[in-house]
Amino acid sequence: MSLPLVRTPTRRERNGRQAVINLMILEGDEQEPEGWTKVSKDLNAGAGGKYVYLLHL
């Protein structure tokens, strides 16, 4: 099950730099939605249970 954490414009400028402001949690073996980037680190590693990944736009 995908859980969106933030639903706002994709990126925001601050002090001339872009910041990631859209995040999503992905559980299990789901494919990331189109346009999203998956961080390839299981946030649930060592705890047992399903894989949990962080995604961003």
PDB file of N, CA and C in Angstrom:
ATOM      1  N   MET A   1       0.847  -1.177   0.000  1.00  0.00           N
ATOM      2  CA  MET A   1       0.000   0.000   0.000  1.00  0.00           C
ATOM      3  C   MET A   1       0.890   1.238   0.000  1.00  0.00           C
ATOM      4  N   SER A   2       0.674   2.145  -0.913  1.00  0.00           N
ATOM      5  CA  SER A   2       1.413   3.397  -0.983  1.00  0.00           C
ATOM      6  C   SER A   2       0.753   4.440  -0.106  1.00  0.00           C
ATOM      7  N   LEU A   3       1.561   5.155   0.643  1.00  0.00           N
ATOM      8  CA  LEU A   3       1.032   6.179   1.536  1.00  0.00           C
ATOM      9  C   LEU A   3       1.660   7.525   1.217  1.00  0.00           C
ATOM     10  N   PRO A   4       0.942   8.425   0.550  1.00  0.00           N
ATOM     11  CA  PRO A   4       1.508   9.749   0.289  1.00  0.00           C
ATOM     12  C   PRO A   4       1.622  10.539   1.587  1.00  0.00           C
ATOM     13  N   LEU A   5       2.778  11.133   1.806  1.00  0.00           N
ATOM     14  CA  LEU A   5       2.995  11.915   3.017  1.00  0.00           C
ATOM     15  C   LEU A   5       2.691  13.387   2.802  1.00  0.00           C
ATOM     16  N   VAL A   6       2.992  13.875   1.599  1.00  0.00           N
ATOM     17  CA  VAL A   6       2.824  15.296   1.312  1.00  0.00           C
ATOM     18  C   VAL A   6       2.255  15.426  -0.089  1.00  0.00           C
ATOM     19  N   ARG A   7       1.248  16.233  -0.272  1.00  0.00           N
ATOM     20  CA  ARG A   7       0.669  16.481  -1.595  1.00  0.00           C
ATOM     21  C   ARG A   7       0.696  17.980  -1.861  1.00  0.00           C
ATOM     22  N   THR A   8       1.799  18.445  -2.387  1.00  0.00           N
ATOM     23  CA  THR A   8       1.986  19.854  -2.711  1.00  0.00           C
ATOM     24  C   THR A   8       2.734  19.934  -4.039  1.00  0.00           C
ATOM     25  N   PRO A   9       3.041  21.121  -4.530  1.00  0.00           N
ATOM     26  CA  PRO A   9       3.817  21.201  -5.766  1.00  0.00           C
ATOM     27  C   PRO A   9       5.114  20.404  -5.650  1.00  0.00           C
ATOM     28  N   THR A  10       5.642  19.942  -6.778  1.00  0.00           N
ATOM     29  CA  THR A  10       6.767  19.025  -6.801  1.00  0.00           C
ATOM     30  C   THR A  10       8.007  19.536  -6.071  1.00  0.00           C
ATOM     31  N   ARG A  11       8.482  20.683  -6.407  1.00  0.00           N
ATOM     32  CA  ARG A  11       9.694  21.211  -5.770  1.00  0.00           C
ATOM     33  C   ARG A  11       9.516  22.682  -5.467  1.00  0.00           C
ATOM     34  N   ARG A  12      10.242  23.161  -4.513  1.00  0.00           N
ATOM     35  CA  ARG A  12      10.150  24.551  -4.110  1.00  0.00           C
ATOM     36  C   ARG A  12      11.561  25.129  -4.010  1.00  0.00           C
ATOM     37  N   GLU A  13      11.730  26.335  -4.486  1.00  0.00           N
ATOM     38  CA  GLU A  13      13.033  27.013  -4.422  1.00  0.00           C
ATOM     39  C   GLU A  13      13.196  27.705  -3.080  1.00  0.00           C
ATOM     40  N   ARG A  14      14.387  27.591  -2.526  1.00  0.00           N
ATOM     41  CA  ARG A  14      14.715  28.296  -1.294  1.00  0.00           C
ATOM     42  C   ARG A  14      16.206  28.598  -1.321  1.00  0.00           C
ATOM     43  N   ASN A  15      16.550  29.844  -1.206  1.00  0.00           N
ATOM     44  CA  ASN A  15      17.956  30.271  -1.267  1.00  0.00           C
ATOM     45  C   ASN A  15      18.652  29.762  -2.528  1.00  0.00           C
ATOM     46  N   GLY A  16      17.910  29.737  -3.648  1.00  0.00           N
ATOM     47  CA  GLY A  16      18.483  29.329  -4.919  1.00  0.00           C
ATOM     48  C   GLY A  16      18.628  27.828  -5.092  1.00  0.00           C
ATOM     49  N   ARG A  17      18.144  27.040  -4.147  1.00  0.00           N
ATOM     50  CA  ARG A  17      18.237  25.583  -4.235  1.00  0.00           C
ATOM     51  C   ARG A  17      16.844  24.969  -4.274  1.00  0.00           C
ATOM     52  N   GLN A  18      16.744  23.818  -4.937  1.00  0.00           N
ATOM     53  CA  GLN A  18      15.458  23.113  -4.978  1.00  0.00           C
ATOM     54  C   GLN A  18      15.383  22.146  -3.807  1.00  0.00           C
ATOM     55  N   ALA A  19      14.218  22.060  -3.194  1.00  0.00           N
ATOM     56  CA  ALA A  19      13.988  21.147  -2.075  1.00  0.00           C
ATOM     57  C   ALA A  19      12.919  20.132  -2.460  1.00  0.00           C
ATOM     58  N   VAL A  20      13.085  18.904  -2.025  1.00  0.00           N
ATOM     59  CA  VAL A  20      12.066  17.874  -2.234  1.00  0.00           C
ATOM     60  C   VAL A  20      10.949  18.129  -1.234  1.00  0.00           C
ATOM     61  N   ILE A  21       9.717  18.224  -1.726  1.00  0.00           N
ATOM     62  CA  ILE A  21       8.597  18.471  -0.815  1.00  0.00           C
ATOM     63  C   ILE A  21       7.476  17.452  -0.986  1.00  0.00           C
ATOM     64  N   ASN A  22       7.637  16.489  -1.900  1.00  0.00           N
ATOM     65  CA  ASN A  22       6.664  15.409  -2.073  1.00  0.00           C
ATOM     66  C   ASN A  22       7.330  14.106  -1.679  1.00  0.00           C
ATOM     67  N   LEU A  23       6.795  13.445  -0.656  1.00  0.00           N
ATOM     68  CA  LEU A  23       7.320  12.176  -0.175  1.00  0.00           C
ATOM     69  C   LEU A  23       6.211  11.144  -0.133  1.00  0.00           C
ATOM     70  N   MET A  24       6.595   9.867  -0.271  1.00  0.00           N
ATOM     71  CA  MET A  24       5.634   8.772  -0.209  1.00  0.00           C
ATOM     72  C   MET A  24       6.339   7.564   0.399  1.00  0.00           C
ATOM     73  N   ILE A  25       5.607   6.755   1.146  1.00  0.00           N
ATOM     74  CA  ILE A  25       6.105   5.494   1.678  1.00  0.00           C
ATOM     75  C   ILE A  25       5.530   4.371   0.822  1.00  0.00           C
ATOM     76  N   LEU A  26       6.388   3.436   0.413  1.00  0.00           N
ATOM     77  CA  LEU A  26       5.968   2.302  -0.402  1.00  0.00           C
ATOM     78  C   LEU A  26       6.210   1.034   0.414  1.00  0.00           C
ATOM     79  N   GLU A  27       5.224   0.160   0.480  1.00  0.00           N
ATOM     80  CA  GLU A  27       5.310  -1.055   1.279  1.00  0.00           C
ATOM     81  C   GLU A  27       5.324  -2.281   0.381  1.00  0.00           C
ATOM     82  N   GLY A  28       6.179  -3.240   0.710  1.00  0.00           N
ATOM     83  CA  GLY A  28       6.207  -4.503  -0.025  1.00  0.00           C
ATOM     84  C   GLY A  28       6.900  -4.381  -1.369  1.00  0.00           C
ATOM     85  N   ASP A  29       6.453  -5.187  -2.326  1.00  0.00           N
ATOM     86  CA  ASP A  29       7.080  -5.261  -3.650  1.00  0.00           C
ATOM     87  C   ASP A  29       6.390  -4.384  -4.689  1.00  0.00           C
ATOM     88  N   GLU A  30       5.656  -3.395  -4.270  1.00  0.00           N
ATOM     89  CA  GLU A  30       4.949  -2.520  -5.209  1.00  0.00           C
ATOM     90  C   GLU A  30       5.933  -1.753  -6.085  1.00  0.00           C
ATOM     91  N   GLN A  31       5.520  -1.462  -7.294  1.00  0.00           N
ATOM     92  CA  GLN A  31       6.292  -0.595  -8.191  1.00  0.00           C
ATOM     93  C   GLN A  31       6.018   0.845  -7.820  1.00  0.00           C
ATOM     94  N   GLU A  32       7.033   1.681  -7.951  1.00  0.00           N
ATOM     95  CA  GLU A  32       6.818   3.095  -7.681  1.00  0.00           C
ATOM     96  C   GLU A  32       5.947   3.704  -8.784  1.00  0.00           C
ATOM     97  N   PRO A  33       5.084   4.648  -8.429  1.00  0.00           N
ATOM     98  CA  PRO A  33       4.249   5.316  -9.426  1.00  0.00           C
ATOM     99  C   PRO A  33       5.128   6.086 -10.427  1.00  0.00           C
ATOM    100  N   GLU A  34       4.599   6.284 -11.611  1.00  0.00           N
ATOM    101  CA  GLU A  34       5.330   6.990 -12.659  1.00  0.00           C
ATOM    102  C   GLU A  34       5.767   8.374 -12.175  1.00  0.00           C
ATOM    103  N   GLY A  35       7.026   8.701 -12.403  1.00  0.00           N
ATOM    104  CA  GLY A  35       7.558  10.001 -12.036  1.00  0.00           C
ATOM    105  C   GLY A  35       8.185  10.045 -10.655  1.00  0.00           C
ATOM    106  N   TRP A  36       7.927   9.058  -9.814  1.00  0.00           N
ATOM    107  CA  TRP A  36       8.482   9.004  -8.467  1.00  0.00           C
ATOM    108  C   TRP A  36       9.830   8.294  -8.485  1.00  0.00           C
ATOM    109  N   THR A  37      10.724   8.671  -7.587  1.00  0.00           N
ATOM    110  CA  THR A  37      12.036   8.048  -7.450  1.00  0.00           C
ATOM    111  C   THR A  37      12.079   7.302  -6.127  1.00  0.00           C
ATOM    112  N   LYS A  38      12.452   6.020  -6.198  1.00  0.00           N
ATOM    113  CA  LYS A  38      12.506   5.178  -5.001  1.00  0.00           C
ATOM    114  C   LYS A  38      13.922   5.177  -4.430  1.00  0.00           C
ATOM    115  N   VAL A  39      14.054   5.423  -3.138  1.00  0.00           N
ATOM    116  CA  VAL A  39      15.341   5.319  -2.452  1.00  0.00           C
ATOM    117  C   VAL A  39      15.525   3.839  -2.127  1.00  0.00           C
ATOM    118  N   SER A  40      16.572   3.229  -2.677  1.00  0.00           N
ATOM    119  CA  SER A  40      16.760   1.781  -2.576  1.00  0.00           C
ATOM    120  C   SER A  40      17.353   1.351  -1.243  1.00  0.00           C
ATOM    121  N   LYS A  41      16.700   1.718  -0.162  1.00  0.00           N
ATOM    122  CA  LYS A  41      17.106   1.328   1.191  1.00  0.00           C
ATOM    123  C   LYS A  41      15.843   0.907   1.932  1.00  0.00           C
ATOM    124  N   ASP A  42      15.787  -0.359   2.358  1.00  0.00           N
ATOM    125  CA  ASP A  42      14.632  -0.861   3.094  1.00  0.00           C
ATOM    126  C   ASP A  42      14.611  -0.230   4.479  1.00  0.00           C
ATOM    127  N   LEU A  43      13.635   0.621   4.739  1.00  0.00           N
ATOM    128  CA  LEU A  43      13.524   1.301   6.033  1.00  0.00           C
ATOM    129  C   LEU A  43      13.103   0.346   7.146  1.00  0.00           C
ATOM    130  N   ASN A  44      12.691  -0.861   6.777  1.00  0.00           N
ATOM    131  CA  ASN A  44      12.254  -1.861   7.744  1.00  0.00           C
ATOM    132  C   ASN A  44      13.303  -2.965   7.915  1.00  0.00           C
ATOM    133  N   ALA A  45      14.503  -2.783   7.386  1.00  0.00           N
ATOM    134  CA  ALA A  45      15.555  -3.808   7.422  1.00  0.00           C
ATOM    135  C   ALA A  45      15.852  -4.223   8.863  1.00  0.00           C
ATOM    136  N   GLY A  46      15.927  -5.524   9.064  1.00  0.00           N
ATOM    137  CA  GLY A  46      16.249  -6.054  10.380  1.00  0.00           C
ATOM    138  C   GLY A  46      15.086  -6.137  11.338  1.00  0.00           C
ATOM    139  N   ALA A  47      13.957  -5.569  10.983  1.00  0.00           N
ATOM    140  CA  ALA A  47      12.803  -5.559  11.881  1.00  0.00           C
ATOM    141  C   ALA A  47      11.810  -6.669  11.545  1.00  0.00           C
ATOM    142  N   GLY A  48      12.015  -7.328  10.415  1.00  0.00           N
ATOM    143  CA  GLY A  48      11.064  -8.336   9.964  1.00  0.00           C
ATOM    144  C   GLY A  48       9.875  -7.660   9.295  1.00  0.00           C
ATOM    145  N   GLY A  49       9.079  -8.440   8.632  1.00  0.00           N
ATOM    146  CA  GLY A  49       7.902  -7.874   7.959  1.00  0.00           C
ATOM    147  C   GLY A  49       8.210  -7.426   6.547  1.00  0.00           C
ATOM    148  N   LYS A  50       7.293  -6.660   5.988  1.00  0.00           N
ATOM    149  CA  LYS A  50       7.405  -6.216   4.601  1.00  0.00           C
ATOM    150  C   LYS A  50       8.502  -5.178   4.429  1.00  0.00           C
ATOM    151  N   TYR A  51       8.976  -5.075   3.177  1.00  0.00           N
ATOM    152  CA  TYR A  51       9.919  -4.022   2.838  1.00  0.00           C
ATOM    153  C   TYR A  51       9.200  -2.683   2.889  1.00  0.00           C
ATOM    154  N   VAL A  52       9.895  -1.629   3.302  1.00  0.00           N
ATOM    155  CA  VAL A  52       9.332  -0.283   3.349  1.00  0.00           C
ATOM    156  C   VAL A  52      10.365   0.661   2.729  1.00  0.00           C
ATOM    157  N   TYR A  53       9.926   1.432   1.723  1.00  0.00           N
ATOM    158  CA  TYR A  53      10.830   2.328   1.001  1.00  0.00           C
ATOM    159  C   TYR A  53      10.284   3.751   0.998  1.00  0.00           C
ATOM    160  N   LEU A  54      11.177   4.712   0.904  1.00  0.00           N
ATOM    161  CA  LEU A  54      10.841   6.124   0.782  1.00  0.00           C
ATOM    162  C   LEU A  54      10.921   6.499  -0.695  1.00  0.00           C
ATOM    163  N   LEU A  55       9.941   7.258  -1.168  1.00  0.00           N
ATOM    164  CA  LEU A  55       9.930   7.760  -2.536  1.00  0.00           C
ATOM    165  C   LEU A  55       9.818   9.268  -2.524  1.00  0.00           C
ATOM    166  N   HIS A  56      10.312   9.904  -3.580  1.00  0.00           N
ATOM    167  CA  HIS A  56      10.189  11.367  -3.718  1.00  0.00           C
ATOM    168  C   HIS A  56       9.987  11.724  -5.172  1.00  0.00           C
ATOM    169  N   LEU A  57       9.458  12.901  -5.406  1.00  0.00           N
ATOM    170  CA  LEU A  57       9.303  13.428  -6.765  1.00  0.00           C
ATOM    171  C   LEU A  57      10.488  14.261  -7.126  1.00  0.00           C
TER     172      LEU A  57
END
